[in-house]
Amino acid sequence: MITSILFFVIGLLIFDIADKKAKKKGVLGMY
């Protein structure tokens, strides 16, 4: 159960970083 929580947190972090990078590039500006 602890590993699933870790994967969830890591996934959120990766998604947040990718989202910020995309916003900097303006790729996801249409969403």
N, C-alpha and C. Protein backbone atom coordinates (compact mmCIF):
# COMPACT_ATOMS: atom_id res chain seq x y z
N MET A 1 0.84 -1.21 0.00
CA MET A 1 0.00 0.00 0.00
C MET A 1 0.87 1.26 0.00
N ILE A 2 1.99 1.19 0.71
CA ILE A 2 2.88 2.36 0.76
C ILE A 2 3.47 2.63 -0.62
N THR A 3 3.78 1.56 -1.36
CA THR A 3 4.37 1.75 -2.68
C THR A 3 3.38 2.41 -3.63
N SER A 4 2.11 2.04 -3.53
CA SER A 4 1.10 2.64 -4.42
C SER A 4 0.97 4.13 -4.14
N ILE A 5 1.06 4.50 -2.86
CA ILE A 5 0.98 5.93 -2.51
C ILE A 5 2.21 6.66 -3.06
N LEU A 6 3.37 6.01 -2.97
CA LEU A 6 4.59 6.62 -3.50
C LEU A 6 4.47 6.83 -5.00
N PHE A 7 3.99 5.80 -5.70
CA PHE A 7 3.82 5.93 -7.15
C PHE A 7 2.84 7.05 -7.49
N PHE A 8 1.79 7.19 -6.67
CA PHE A 8 0.80 8.23 -6.91
C PHE A 8 1.42 9.62 -6.74
N VAL A 9 2.20 9.79 -5.68
CA VAL A 9 2.85 11.09 -5.42
C VAL A 9 3.86 11.40 -6.51
N ILE A 10 4.66 10.40 -6.88
CA ILE A 10 5.67 10.61 -7.93
C ILE A 10 4.98 10.96 -9.25
N GLY A 11 3.87 10.28 -9.53
CA GLY A 11 3.13 10.56 -10.76
C GLY A 11 2.62 12.00 -10.78
N LEU A 12 2.14 12.46 -9.62
CA LEU A 12 1.64 13.83 -9.54
C LEU A 12 2.78 14.82 -9.76
N LEU A 13 3.94 14.53 -9.17
CA LEU A 13 5.10 15.42 -9.33
C LEU A 13 5.52 15.49 -10.79
N ILE A 14 5.60 14.34 -11.44
CA ILE A 14 6.00 14.31 -12.85
C ILE A 14 4.98 15.06 -13.70
N PHE A 15 3.69 14.86 -13.42
CA PHE A 15 2.65 15.55 -14.17
C PHE A 15 2.74 17.06 -13.97
N ASP A 16 3.01 17.49 -12.73
CA ASP A 16 3.11 18.92 -12.42
C ASP A 16 4.29 19.54 -13.14
N ILE A 17 5.44 18.85 -13.13
CA ILE A 17 6.63 19.37 -13.80
C ILE A 17 6.40 19.43 -15.31
N ALA A 18 5.80 18.38 -15.87
CA ALA A 18 5.53 18.36 -17.31
C ALA A 18 4.56 19.47 -17.68
N ASP A 19 3.57 19.71 -16.81
CA ASP A 19 2.58 20.75 -17.08
C ASP A 19 3.25 22.12 -17.08
N LYS A 20 4.15 22.36 -16.13
CA LYS A 20 4.83 23.65 -16.06
C LYS A 20 5.73 23.84 -17.28
N LYS A 21 6.42 22.78 -17.69
CA LYS A 21 7.29 22.87 -18.87
C LYS A 21 6.46 23.16 -20.10
N ALA A 22 5.31 22.49 -20.21
CA ALA A 22 4.44 22.67 -21.37
C ALA A 22 3.91 24.11 -21.40
N LYS A 23 3.57 24.64 -20.23
CA LYS A 23 3.05 26.01 -20.19
C LYS A 23 4.14 27.00 -20.57
N LYS A 24 5.39 26.70 -20.20
CA LYS A 24 6.50 27.58 -20.57
C LYS A 24 6.67 27.59 -22.08
N LYS A 25 6.54 26.41 -22.70
CA LYS A 25 6.69 26.32 -24.15
C LYS A 25 5.44 26.81 -24.86
N GLY A 26 4.30 26.78 -24.15
CA GLY A 26 3.06 27.23 -24.76
C GLY A 26 2.38 26.14 -25.57
N VAL A 27 2.81 24.89 -25.37
CA VAL A 27 2.23 23.78 -26.14
C VAL A 27 0.82 23.49 -25.65
N LEU A 28 0.64 23.51 -24.32
CA LEU A 28 -0.67 23.20 -23.77
C LEU A 28 -1.46 24.48 -23.50
N GLY A 29 -1.15 25.54 -24.21
CA GLY A 29 -1.84 26.80 -23.97
C GLY A 29 -3.29 26.75 -24.43
N MET A 30 -3.60 25.80 -25.31
CA MET A 30 -4.97 25.73 -25.83
C MET A 30 -5.89 24.99 -24.90
N TYR A 31 -5.34 24.25 -23.93
CA TYR A 31 -6.21 23.49 -23.01
C TYR A 31 -6.80 24.39 -21.95
